[in-house]
C-alpha cells in the first residue's frame, strides 16, 4: 500500500496499467489552464484614489482610500501567488511546501 494513499493525498497519483508505475504531477498539468484563466480574470491594477485638501476632510473618502490600498496590496499578493503556481505547473519553478499546498487547494477548489 502506498503511503500517499494512507495520508489521503492520493489524487496526485494515477496508476499506469502498462508498467504498473505511478505517475505524479498529472493533476498539476491539468491545473495550468485553470490558473491562467484566473489570472486573465483578475484586474490589472487598482486606481488609487486621488487625495486633495477637500477629499481628506471627508471620512468616507478616507475609509475608501484605506480599503483601496489594502485591496490593491491583496490583489498584488494573489497575482504573485498565482504566477508562482503557474510557473510550477510549467516546470519553471521548484516545488516548495507553500506552493504545493496552494496548488493542491486550487486543484481541489
PDB file of N, CA and C in Angstrom:
ATOM      1  N   UNK A   1       0.844  -1.171   0.000  1.00  0.00           N
ATOM      2  CA  UNK A   1       0.000   0.000   0.000  1.00  0.00           C
ATOM      3  C   UNK A   1       0.891   1.236   0.000  1.00  0.00           C
ATOM      4  N   UNK A   2       0.473   2.242  -0.746  1.00  0.00           N
ATOM      5  CA  UNK A   2       1.250   3.453  -0.893  1.00  0.00           C
ATOM      6  C   UNK A   2       0.982   4.397   0.267  1.00  0.00           C
ATOM      7  N   UNK A   3       2.028   5.016   0.802  1.00  0.00           N
ATOM      8  CA  UNK A   3       1.889   5.912   1.957  1.00  0.00           C
ATOM      9  C   UNK A   3       1.055   7.138   1.605  1.00  0.00           C
ATOM     10  N   UNK A   4       1.108   7.610   0.365  1.00  0.00           N
ATOM     11  CA  UNK A   4       0.313   8.769  -0.026  1.00  0.00           C
ATOM     12  C   UNK A   4      -1.176   8.451   0.015  1.00  0.00           C
ATOM     13  N   UNK A   5      -1.528   7.220  -0.308  1.00  0.00           N
ATOM     14  CA  UNK A   5      -2.930   6.828  -0.230  1.00  0.00           C
ATOM     15  C   UNK A   5      -3.392   6.775   1.215  1.00  0.00           C
ATOM     16  N   UNK A   6      -2.520   6.356   2.100  1.00  0.00           N
ATOM     17  CA  UNK A   6      -2.864   6.309   3.518  1.00  0.00           C
ATOM     18  C   UNK A   6      -3.066   7.709   4.070  1.00  0.00           C
ATOM     19  N   UNK A   7      -2.230   8.649   3.619  1.00  0.00           N
ATOM     20  CA  UNK A   7      -2.306  10.013   4.113  1.00  0.00           C
ATOM     21  C   UNK A   7      -3.452  10.795   3.492  1.00  0.00           C
ATOM     22  N   UNK A   8      -4.087  10.257   2.492  1.00  0.00           N
ATOM     23  CA  UNK A   8      -5.222  10.935   1.888  1.00  0.00           C
ATOM     24  C   UNK A   8      -4.843  11.905   0.790  1.00  0.00           C
ATOM     25  N   UNK A   9      -3.622  11.821   0.283  1.00  0.00           N
ATOM     26  CA  UNK A   9      -3.215  12.692  -0.817  1.00  0.00           C
ATOM     27  C   UNK A   9      -3.069  11.880  -2.091  1.00  0.00           C
ATOM     28  N   UNK A  10      -3.929  10.957  -2.309  1.00  0.00           N
ATOM     29  CA  UNK A  10      -3.829  10.062  -3.453  1.00  0.00           C
ATOM     30  C   UNK A  10      -4.278  10.654  -4.764  1.00  0.00           C
ATOM     31  N   UNK A  11      -4.815  11.925  -4.776  1.00  0.00           N
ATOM     32  CA  UNK A  11      -5.274  12.453  -6.043  1.00  0.00           C
ATOM     33  C   UNK A  11      -4.129  12.773  -6.980  1.00  0.00           C
ATOM     34  N   UNK A  12      -2.904  12.921  -6.461  1.00  0.00           N
ATOM     35  CA  UNK A  12      -1.796  13.194  -7.348  1.00  0.00           C
ATOM     36  C   UNK A  12      -1.187  11.922  -7.926  1.00  0.00           C
ATOM     37  N   UNK A  13      -1.756  10.772  -7.633  1.00  0.00           N
ATOM     38  CA  UNK A  13      -1.208   9.505  -8.089  1.00  0.00           C
ATOM     39  C   UNK A  13      -2.230   8.820  -8.992  1.00  0.00           C
ATOM     40  N   UNK A  14      -1.766   8.422 -10.153  1.00  0.00           N
ATOM     41  CA  UNK A  14      -2.613   7.649 -11.052  1.00  0.00           C
ATOM     42  C   UNK A  14      -1.856   6.385 -11.424  1.00  0.00           C
ATOM     43  N   UNK A  15      -2.555   5.304 -11.489  1.00  0.00           N
ATOM     44  CA  UNK A  15      -1.908   4.037 -11.800  1.00  0.00           C
ATOM     45  C   UNK A  15      -1.785   3.877 -13.303  1.00  0.00           C
ATOM     46  N   UNK A  16      -0.652   3.425 -13.745  1.00  0.00           N
ATOM     47  CA  UNK A  16      -0.405   3.175 -15.153  1.00  0.00           C
ATOM     48  C   UNK A  16      -0.494   1.669 -15.380  1.00  0.00           C
ATOM     49  N   UNK A  17      -1.416   1.247 -16.249  1.00  0.00           N
ATOM     50  CA  UNK A  17      -1.652  -0.181 -16.458  1.00  0.00           C
ATOM     51  C   UNK A  17      -0.482  -0.868 -17.150  1.00  0.00           C
ATOM     52  N   UNK A  18       0.257  -0.138 -17.985  1.00  0.00           N
ATOM     53  CA  UNK A  18       1.310  -0.775 -18.769  1.00  0.00           C
ATOM     54  C   UNK A  18       2.444  -1.291 -17.897  1.00  0.00           C
ATOM     55  N   UNK A  19       3.016  -0.448 -17.072  1.00  0.00           N
ATOM     56  CA  UNK A  19       4.163  -0.874 -16.296  1.00  0.00           C
ATOM     57  C   UNK A  19       3.878  -0.942 -14.815  1.00  0.00           C
ATOM     58  N   UNK A  20       2.702  -0.587 -14.418  1.00  0.00           N
ATOM     59  CA  UNK A  20       2.381  -0.565 -13.006  1.00  0.00           C
ATOM     60  C   UNK A  20       3.006   0.619 -12.285  1.00  0.00           C
ATOM     61  N   UNK A  21       3.675   1.509 -13.027  1.00  0.00           N
ATOM     62  CA  UNK A  21       4.289   2.681 -12.413  1.00  0.00           C
ATOM     63  C   UNK A  21       3.205   3.696 -12.070  1.00  0.00           C
ATOM     64  N   UNK A  22       3.525   4.529 -11.105  1.00  0.00           N
ATOM     65  CA  UNK A  22       2.592   5.566 -10.705  1.00  0.00           C
ATOM     66  C   UNK A  22       3.087   6.898 -11.238  1.00  0.00           C
ATOM     67  N   UNK A  23       2.160   7.668 -11.761  1.00  0.00           N
ATOM     68  CA  UNK A  23       2.500   8.978 -12.282  1.00  0.00           C
ATOM     69  C   UNK A  23       2.117  10.028 -11.255  1.00  0.00           C
ATOM     70  N   UNK A  24       3.018  10.943 -10.995  1.00  0.00           N
ATOM     71  CA  UNK A  24       2.665  12.060 -10.135  1.00  0.00           C
ATOM     72  C   UNK A  24       2.810  13.328 -10.941  1.00  0.00           C
ATOM     73  N   UNK A  25       1.995  14.316 -10.627  1.00  0.00           N
ATOM     74  CA  UNK A  25       2.080  15.586 -11.310  1.00  0.00           C
ATOM     75  C   UNK A  25       1.101  15.742 -12.453  1.00  0.00           C
ATOM     76  N   UNK A  26       0.338  14.707 -12.805  1.00  0.00           N
ATOM     77  CA  UNK A  26      -0.605  14.874 -13.905  1.00  0.00           C
ATOM     78  C   UNK A  26      -1.702  15.862 -13.546  1.00  0.00           C
ATOM     79  N   UNK A  27      -2.083  15.873 -12.281  1.00  0.00           N
ATOM     80  CA  UNK A  27      -3.103  16.834 -11.852  1.00  0.00           C
ATOM     81  C   UNK A  27      -2.545  18.239 -11.901  1.00  0.00           C
ATOM     82  N   UNK A  28      -1.237  18.377 -11.762  1.00  0.00           N
ATOM     83  CA  UNK A  28      -0.603  19.684 -11.788  1.00  0.00           C
ATOM     84  C   UNK A  28      -0.632  20.269 -13.196  1.00  0.00           C
ATOM     85  N   UNK A  29      -0.447  19.436 -14.204  1.00  0.00           N
ATOM     86  CA  UNK A  29      -0.515  19.927 -15.579  1.00  0.00           C
ATOM     87  C   UNK A  29      -1.938  20.289 -15.971  1.00  0.00           C
ATOM     88  N   UNK A  30      -2.909  19.609 -15.388  1.00  0.00           N
ATOM     89  CA  UNK A  30      -4.310  19.943 -15.651  1.00  0.00           C
ATOM     90  C   UNK A  30      -4.709  21.245 -14.959  1.00  0.00           C
ATOM     91  N   UNK A  31      -3.945  21.657 -13.964  1.00  0.00           N
ATOM     92  CA  UNK A  31      -4.228  22.884 -13.212  1.00  0.00           C
ATOM     93  C   UNK A  31      -3.807  24.128 -13.985  1.00  0.00           C
ATOM     94  N   UNK A  32      -2.882  23.992 -14.920  1.00  0.00           N
ATOM     95  CA  UNK A  32      -2.329  25.134 -15.639  1.00  0.00           C
ATOM     96  C   UNK A  32      -3.389  25.998 -16.334  1.00  0.00           C
ATOM     97  N   UNK A  33      -4.316  25.443 -17.130  1.00  0.00           N
ATOM     98  CA  UNK A  33      -5.315  26.305 -17.777  1.00  0.00           C
ATOM     99  C   UNK A  33      -6.220  27.014 -16.767  1.00  0.00           C
ATOM    100  N   UNK A  34      -6.492  26.362 -15.669  1.00  0.00           N
ATOM    101  CA  UNK A  34      -7.340  26.960 -14.638  1.00  0.00           C
ATOM    102  C   UNK A  34      -6.664  28.193 -14.032  1.00  0.00           C
ATOM    103  N   UNK A  35      -5.374  28.076 -13.748  1.00  0.00           N
ATOM    104  CA  UNK A  35      -4.627  29.194 -13.170  1.00  0.00           C
ATOM    105  C   UNK A  35      -4.504  30.328 -14.188  1.00  0.00           C
ATOM    106  N   UNK A  36      -4.260  29.990 -15.444  1.00  0.00           N
ATOM    107  CA  UNK A  36      -4.173  31.016 -16.491  1.00  0.00           C
ATOM    108  C   UNK A  36      -5.492  31.773 -16.621  1.00  0.00           C
ATOM    109  N   UNK A  37      -6.596  31.057 -16.531  1.00  0.00           N
ATOM    110  CA  UNK A  37      -7.909  31.690 -16.614  1.00  0.00           C
ATOM    111  C   UNK A  37      -8.147  32.624 -15.422  1.00  0.00           C
ATOM    112  N   UNK A  38      -7.711  32.207 -14.232  1.00  0.00           N
ATOM    113  CA  UNK A  38      -7.856  33.064 -13.055  1.00  0.00           C
ATOM    114  C   UNK A  38      -7.054  34.347 -13.216  1.00  0.00           C
ATOM    115  N   UNK A  39      -5.844  34.226 -13.736  1.00  0.00           N
ATOM    116  CA  UNK A  39      -5.005  35.410 -13.926  1.00  0.00           C
ATOM    117  C   UNK A  39      -5.612  36.362 -14.957  1.00  0.00           C
ATOM    118  N   UNK A  40      -6.239  35.817 -15.987  1.00  0.00           N
ATOM    119  CA  UNK A  40      -6.873  36.662 -17.002  1.00  0.00           C
ATOM    120  C   UNK A  40      -8.055  37.427 -16.434  1.00  0.00           C
ATOM    121  N   UNK A  41      -8.780  36.829 -15.514  1.00  0.00           N
ATOM    122  CA  UNK A  41      -9.972  37.453 -14.950  1.00  0.00           C
ATOM    123  C   UNK A  41      -9.665  38.543 -13.922  1.00  0.00           C
ATOM    124  N   UNK A  42      -8.488  38.486 -13.317  1.00  0.00           N
ATOM    125  CA  UNK A  42      -8.147  39.487 -12.309  1.00  0.00           C
ATOM    126  C   UNK A  42      -7.848  40.831 -12.967  1.00  0.00           C
ATOM    127  N   UNK A  43      -8.231  41.923 -12.322  1.00  0.00           N
ATOM    128  CA  UNK A  43      -7.919  43.243 -12.895  1.00  0.00           C
ATOM    129  C   UNK A  43      -6.417  43.498 -12.860  1.00  0.00           C
ATOM    130  N   UNK A  44      -5.959  44.364 -13.764  1.00  0.00           N
ATOM    131  CA  UNK A  44      -4.535  44.660 -13.840  1.00  0.00           C
ATOM    132  C   UNK A  44      -4.023  45.357 -12.598  1.00  0.00           C
ATOM    133  N   UNK A  45      -4.519  46.524 -12.320  1.00  0.00           N
ATOM    134  CA  UNK A  45      -4.092  47.298 -11.169  1.00  0.00           C
ATOM    135  C   UNK A  45      -5.248  48.189 -10.748  1.00  0.00           C
ATOM    136  N   UNK A  46      -5.420  48.352  -9.458  1.00  0.00           N
ATOM    137  CA  UNK A  46      -6.461  49.241  -8.965  1.00  0.00           C
ATOM    138  C   UNK A  46      -5.968  50.685  -8.976  1.00  0.00           C
ATOM    139  N   UNK A  47      -6.848  51.593  -9.341  1.00  0.00           N
ATOM    140  CA  UNK A  47      -6.503  53.005  -9.341  1.00  0.00           C
ATOM    141  C   UNK A  47      -6.633  53.543  -7.929  1.00  0.00           C
ATOM    142  N   UNK A  48      -5.551  54.102  -7.422  1.00  0.00           N
ATOM    143  CA  UNK A  48      -5.552  54.684  -6.089  1.00  0.00           C
ATOM    144  C   UNK A  48      -6.291  56.014  -6.157  1.00  0.00           C
ATOM    145  N   UNK A  49      -7.129  56.258  -5.164  1.00  0.00           N
ATOM    146  CA  UNK A  49      -7.920  57.483  -5.140  1.00  0.00           C
ATOM    147  C   UNK A  49      -7.024  58.709  -4.957  1.00  0.00           C
ATOM    148  N   UNK A  50      -7.395  59.776  -5.642  1.00  0.00           N
ATOM    149  CA  UNK A  50      -6.587  60.996  -5.588  1.00  0.00           C
ATOM    150  C   UNK A  50      -6.914  61.793  -4.331  1.00  0.00           C
ATOM    151  N   UNK A  51      -5.876  62.128  -3.596  1.00  0.00           N
ATOM    152  CA  UNK A  51      -6.038  62.899  -2.359  1.00  0.00           C
ATOM    153  C   UNK A  51      -5.888  64.384  -2.667  1.00  0.00           C
ATOM    154  N   UNK A  52      -6.760  65.154  -2.089  1.00  0.00           N
ATOM    155  CA  UNK A  52      -6.587  66.606  -2.103  1.00  0.00           C
ATOM    156  C   UNK A  52      -7.128  67.149  -0.775  1.00  0.00           C
ATOM    157  N   UNK A  53      -7.000  68.434  -0.584  1.00  0.00           N
ATOM    158  CA  UNK A  53      -7.354  69.023   0.708  1.00  0.00           C
ATOM    159  C   UNK A  53      -8.830  68.814   1.056  1.00  0.00           C
ATOM    160  N   UNK A  54      -9.674  68.907   0.069  1.00  0.00           N
ATOM    161  CA  UNK A  54     -11.108  68.755   0.313  1.00  0.00           C
ATOM    162  C   UNK A  54     -11.490  67.294   0.575  1.00  0.00           C
ATOM    163  N   UNK A  55     -10.920  66.379  -0.188  1.00  0.00           N
ATOM    164  CA  UNK A  55     -11.301  64.973  -0.046  1.00  0.00           C
ATOM    165  C   UNK A  55     -10.817  64.371   1.271  1.00  0.00           C
ATOM    166  N   UNK A  56      -9.686  64.847   1.773  1.00  0.00           N
ATOM    167  CA  UNK A  56      -9.147  64.317   3.032  1.00  0.00           C
ATOM    168  C   UNK A  56     -10.081  64.627   4.204  1.00  0.00           C
ATOM    169  N   UNK A  57     -10.830  65.681   4.094  1.00  0.00           N
ATOM    170  CA  UNK A  57     -11.754  66.065   5.169  1.00  0.00           C
ATOM    171  C   UNK A  57     -12.986  65.157   5.230  1.00  0.00           C
ATOM    172  N   UNK A  58     -13.230  64.434   4.180  1.00  0.00           N
ATOM    173  CA  UNK A  58     -14.405  63.563   4.112  1.00  0.00           C
ATOM    174  C   UNK A  58     -14.055  62.190   4.707  1.00  0.00           C
ATOM    175  N   UNK A  59     -14.740  61.790   5.791  1.00  0.00           N
ATOM    176  CA  UNK A  59     -14.417  60.490   6.393  1.00  0.00           C
ATOM    177  C   UNK A  59     -14.696  59.305   5.469  1.00  0.00           C
ATOM    178  N   UNK A  60     -15.693  59.417   4.620  1.00  0.00           N
ATOM    179  CA  UNK A  60     -15.995  58.336   3.686  1.00  0.00           C
ATOM    180  C   UNK A  60     -14.846  58.157   2.690  1.00  0.00           C
ATOM    181  N   UNK A  61     -14.288  59.264   2.224  1.00  0.00           N
ATOM    182  CA  UNK A  61     -13.147  59.180   1.316  1.00  0.00           C
ATOM    183  C   UNK A  61     -11.964  58.503   2.000  1.00  0.00           C
ATOM    184  N   UNK A  62     -11.676  58.880   3.237  1.00  0.00           N
ATOM    185  CA  UNK A  62     -10.553  58.284   3.957  1.00  0.00           C
ATOM    186  C   UNK A  62     -10.754  56.785   4.134  1.00  0.00           C
ATOM    187  N   UNK A  63     -11.993  56.377   4.432  1.00  0.00           N
ATOM    188  CA  UNK A  63     -12.313  54.957   4.561  1.00  0.00           C
ATOM    189  C   UNK A  63     -12.075  54.224   3.243  1.00  0.00           C
ATOM    190  N   UNK A  64     -12.624  54.771   2.155  1.00  0.00           N
ATOM    191  CA  UNK A  64     -12.471  54.116   0.852  1.00  0.00           C
ATOM    192  C   UNK A  64     -11.017  54.086   0.405  1.00  0.00           C
ATOM    193  N   UNK A  65     -10.282  55.137   0.709  1.00  0.00           N
ATOM    194  CA  UNK A  65      -8.875  55.166   0.334  1.00  0.00           C
ATOM    195  C   UNK A  65      -8.098  54.047   1.037  1.00  0.00           C
ATOM    196  N   UNK A  66      -8.351  53.863   2.325  1.00  0.00           N
ATOM    197  CA  UNK A  66      -7.685  52.781   3.064  1.00  0.00           C
ATOM    198  C   UNK A  66      -8.052  51.428   2.475  1.00  0.00           C
ATOM    199  N   UNK A  67      -9.324  51.241   2.165  1.00  0.00           N
ATOM    200  CA  UNK A  67      -9.774  49.964   1.606  1.00  0.00           C
ATOM    201  C   UNK A  67      -9.127  49.688   0.253  1.00  0.00           C
ATOM    202  N   UNK A  68      -9.045  50.708  -0.595  1.00  0.00           N
ATOM    203  CA  UNK A  68      -8.446  50.528  -1.917  1.00  0.00           C
ATOM    204  C   UNK A  68      -6.968  50.177  -1.793  1.00  0.00           C
ATOM    205  N   UNK A  69      -6.269  50.794  -0.862  1.00  0.00           N
ATOM    206  CA  UNK A  69      -4.847  50.489  -0.666  1.00  0.00           C
ATOM    207  C   UNK A  69      -4.677  49.054  -0.186  1.00  0.00           C
ATOM    208  N   UNK A  70      -5.505  48.612   0.754  1.00  0.00           N
ATOM    209  CA  UNK A  70      -5.403  47.245   1.271  1.00  0.00           C
ATOM    210  C   UNK A  70      -5.746  46.224   0.180  1.00  0.00           C
ATOM    211  N   UNK A  71      -6.820  46.477  -0.550  1.00  0.00           N
ATOM    212  CA  UNK A  71      -7.230  45.540  -1.604  1.00  0.00           C
ATOM    213  C   UNK A  71      -6.206  45.514  -2.733  1.00  0.00           C
ATOM    214  N   UNK A  72      -5.596  46.634  -3.025  1.00  0.00           N
ATOM    215  CA  UNK A  72      -4.559  46.674  -4.053  1.00  0.00           C
ATOM    216  C   UNK A  72      -3.374  45.802  -3.660  1.00  0.00           C
ATOM    217  N   UNK A  73      -2.978  45.867  -2.395  1.00  0.00           N
ATOM    218  CA  UNK A  73      -1.898  45.002  -1.912  1.00  0.00           C
ATOM    219  C   UNK A  73      -2.280  43.537  -1.945  1.00  0.00           C
ATOM    220  N   UNK A  74      -3.525  43.239  -1.585  1.00  0.00           N
ATOM    221  CA  UNK A  74      -4.013  41.863  -1.627  1.00  0.00           C
ATOM    222  C   UNK A  74      -4.047  41.337  -3.057  1.00  0.00           C
ATOM    223  N   UNK A  75      -4.474  42.166  -3.979  1.00  0.00           N
ATOM    224  CA  UNK A  75      -4.501  41.781  -5.391  1.00  0.00           C
ATOM    225  C   UNK A  75      -3.095  41.449  -5.884  1.00  0.00           C
ATOM    226  N   UNK A  76      -2.122  42.270  -5.520  1.00  0.00           N
ATOM    227  CA  UNK A  76      -0.739  42.011  -5.915  1.00  0.00           C
ATOM    228  C   UNK A  76      -0.247  40.688  -5.336  1.00  0.00           C
ATOM    229  N   UNK A  77      -0.606  40.408  -4.094  1.00  0.00           N
ATOM    230  CA  UNK A  77      -0.194  39.171  -3.443  1.00  0.00           C
ATOM    231  C   UNK A  77      -0.823  37.949  -4.120  1.00  0.00           C
ATOM    232  N   UNK A  78      -2.109  38.036  -4.434  1.00  0.00           N
ATOM    233  CA  UNK A  78      -2.811  36.928  -5.091  1.00  0.00           C
ATOM    234  C   UNK A  78      -2.220  36.673  -6.477  1.00  0.00           C
ATOM    235  N   UNK A  79      -1.953  37.744  -7.211  1.00  0.00           N
ATOM    236  CA  UNK A  79      -1.371  37.590  -8.540  1.00  0.00           C
ATOM    237  C   UNK A  79       0.023  36.977  -8.477  1.00  0.00           C
ATOM    238  N   UNK A  80       0.809  37.381  -7.483  1.00  0.00           N
ATOM    239  CA  UNK A  80       2.155  36.812  -7.331  1.00  0.00           C
ATOM    240  C   UNK A  80       2.064  35.319  -7.008  1.00  0.00           C
ATOM    241  N   UNK A  81       1.130  34.945  -6.134  1.00  0.00           N
ATOM    242  CA  UNK A  81       0.964  33.527  -5.789  1.00  0.00           C
ATOM    243  C   UNK A  81       0.491  32.719  -6.997  1.00  0.00           C
ATOM    244  N   UNK A  82      -0.460  33.255  -7.757  1.00  0.00           N
ATOM    245  CA  UNK A  82      -0.937  32.540  -8.939  1.00  0.00           C
ATOM    246  C   UNK A  82       0.159  32.406  -9.993  1.00  0.00           C
ATOM    247  N   UNK A  83       0.966  33.446 -10.148  1.00  0.00           N
ATOM    248  CA  UNK A  83       2.079  33.362 -11.098  1.00  0.00           C
ATOM    249  C   UNK A  83       3.101  32.313 -10.650  1.00  0.00           C
ATOM    250  N   UNK A  84       3.333  32.212  -9.350  1.00  0.00           N
ATOM    251  CA  UNK A  84       4.258  31.200  -8.842  1.00  0.00           C
ATOM    252  C   UNK A  84       3.718  29.791  -9.095  1.00  0.00           C
ATOM    253  N   UNK A  85       2.417  29.594  -8.880  1.00  0.00           N
ATOM    254  CA  UNK A  85       1.805  28.284  -9.143  1.00  0.00           C
ATOM    255  C   UNK A  85       1.847  27.986 -10.638  1.00  0.00           C
ATOM    256  N   UNK A  86       1.629  29.003 -11.462  1.00  0.00           N
ATOM    257  CA  UNK A  86       1.692  28.816 -12.912  1.00  0.00           C
ATOM    258  C   UNK A  86       3.096  28.388 -13.340  1.00  0.00           C
ATOM    259  N   UNK A  87       4.118  29.027 -12.773  1.00  0.00           N
ATOM    260  CA  UNK A  87       5.493  28.631 -13.077  1.00  0.00           C
ATOM    261  C   UNK A  87       5.759  27.202 -12.615  1.00  0.00           C
ATOM    262  N   UNK A  88       5.167  26.820 -11.495  1.00  0.00           N
ATOM    263  CA  UNK A  88       5.313  25.445 -11.005  1.00  0.00           C
ATOM    264  C   UNK A  88       4.679  24.456 -11.975  1.00  0.00           C
ATOM    265  N   UNK A  89       3.498  24.784 -12.495  1.00  0.00           N
ATOM    266  CA  UNK A  89       2.823  23.872 -13.428  1.00  0.00           C
ATOM    267  C   UNK A  89       3.582  23.744 -14.739  1.00  0.00           C
ATOM    268  N   UNK A  90       4.321  24.785 -15.113  1.00  0.00           N
ATOM    269  CA  UNK A  90       5.110  24.746 -16.347  1.00  0.00           C
ATOM    270  C   UNK A  90       6.489  24.137 -16.135  1.00  0.00           C
ATOM    271  N   UNK A  91       6.835  23.866 -14.880  1.00  0.00           N
ATOM    272  CA  UNK A  91       8.131  23.284 -14.583  1.00  0.00           C
ATOM    273  C   UNK A  91       9.249  24.301 -14.505  1.00  0.00           C
ATOM    274  N   UNK A  92       8.914  25.578 -14.373  1.00  0.00           N
ATOM    275  CA  UNK A  92       9.922  26.630 -14.318  1.00  0.00           C
ATOM    276  C   UNK A  92      10.361  26.958 -12.896  1.00  0.00           C
ATOM    277  N   UNK A  93       9.674  26.410 -11.922  1.00  0.00           N
ATOM    278  CA  UNK A  93       9.962  26.705 -10.523  1.00  0.00           C
ATOM    279  C   UNK A  93       9.949  25.412  -9.736  1.00  0.00           C
ATOM    280  N   UNK A  94      10.833  25.341  -8.743  1.00  0.00           N
ATOM    281  CA  UNK A  94      10.859  24.164  -7.882  1.00  0.00           C
ATOM    282  C   UNK A  94       9.716  24.222  -6.888  1.00  0.00           C
ATOM    283  N   UNK A  95       9.253  23.053  -6.511  1.00  0.00           N
ATOM    284  CA  UNK A  95       8.119  22.947  -5.598  1.00  0.00           C
ATOM    285  C   UNK A  95       8.565  23.193  -4.157  1.00  0.00           C
ATOM    286  N   UNK A  96       7.810  24.037  -3.463  1.00  0.00           N
ATOM    287  CA  UNK A  96       8.011  24.256  -2.035  1.00  0.00           C
ATOM    288  C   UNK A  96       6.755  23.789  -1.315  1.00  0.00           C
ATOM    289  N   UNK A  97       6.818  23.728  -0.009  1.00  0.00           N
ATOM    290  CA  UNK A  97       5.632  23.310   0.746  1.00  0.00           C
ATOM    291  C   UNK A  97       4.476  24.275   0.535  1.00  0.00           C
ATOM    292  N   UNK A  98       4.771  25.556   0.495  1.00  0.00           N
ATOM    293  CA  UNK A  98       3.721  26.564   0.305  1.00  0.00           C
ATOM    294  C   UNK A  98       3.107  26.430  -1.079  1.00  0.00           C
ATOM    295  N   UNK A  99       3.954  26.308  -2.109  1.00  0.00           N
ATOM    296  CA  UNK A  99       3.428  26.154  -3.471  1.00  0.00           C
ATOM    297  C   UNK A  99       2.644  24.864  -3.632  1.00  0.00           C
ATOM    298  N   UNK A 100       3.106  23.813  -2.996  1.00  0.00           N
ATOM    299  CA  UNK A 100       2.387  22.539  -3.076  1.00  0.00           C
ATOM    300  C   UNK A 100       1.002  22.678  -2.455  1.00  0.00           C
ATOM    301  N   UNK A 101       0.920  23.317  -1.294  1.00  0.00           N
ATOM    302  CA  UNK A 101      -0.373  23.490  -0.628  1.00  0.00           C
ATOM    303  C   UNK A 101      -1.298  24.384  -1.454  1.00  0.00           C
ATOM    304  N   UNK A 102      -0.750  25.474  -2.003  1.00  0.00           N
ATOM    305  CA  UNK A 102      -1.568  26.364  -2.822  1.00  0.00           C
ATOM    306  C   UNK A 102      -2.096  25.649  -4.065  1.00  0.00           C
ATOM    307  N   UNK A 103      -1.232  24.887  -4.721  1.00  0.00           N
ATOM    308  CA  UNK A 103      -1.677  24.191  -5.929  1.00  0.00           C
ATOM    309  C   UNK A 103      -2.681  23.096  -5.602  1.00  0.00           C
ATOM    310  N   UNK A 104      -2.504  22.394  -4.481  1.00  0.00           N
ATOM    311  CA  UNK A 104      -3.495  21.388  -4.076  1.00  0.00           C
ATOM    312  C   UNK A 104      -4.835  22.044  -3.738  1.00  0.00           C
ATOM    313  N   UNK A 105      -4.791  23.199  -3.082  1.00  0.00           N
ATOM    314  CA  UNK A 105      -6.036  23.907  -2.761  1.00  0.00           C
ATOM    315  C   UNK A 105      -6.755  24.361  -4.025  1.00  0.00           C
ATOM    316  N   UNK A 106      -5.996  24.870  -5.001  1.00  0.00           N
ATOM    317  CA  UNK A 106      -6.602  25.286  -6.263  1.00  0.00           C
ATOM    318  C   UNK A 106      -7.158  24.082  -7.029  1.00  0.00           C
ATOM    319  N   UNK A 107      -6.446  22.978  -6.975  1.00  0.00           N
ATOM    320  CA  UNK A 107      -6.898  21.778  -7.677  1.00  0.00           C
ATOM    321  C   UNK A 107      -8.199  21.234  -7.071  1.00  0.00           C
ATOM    322  N   UNK A 108      -8.293  21.253  -5.758  1.00  0.00           N
ATOM    323  CA  UNK A 108      -9.476  20.701  -5.109  1.00  0.00           C
ATOM    324  C   UNK A 108     -10.612  21.706  -4.999  1.00  0.00           C
ATOM    325  N   UNK A 109     -10.361  22.934  -5.429  1.00  0.00           N
ATOM    326  CA  UNK A 109     -11.331  24.031  -5.391  1.00  0.00           C
ATOM    327  C   UNK A 109     -11.836  24.254  -3.991  1.00  0.00           C
TER     328      UNK A 109
END
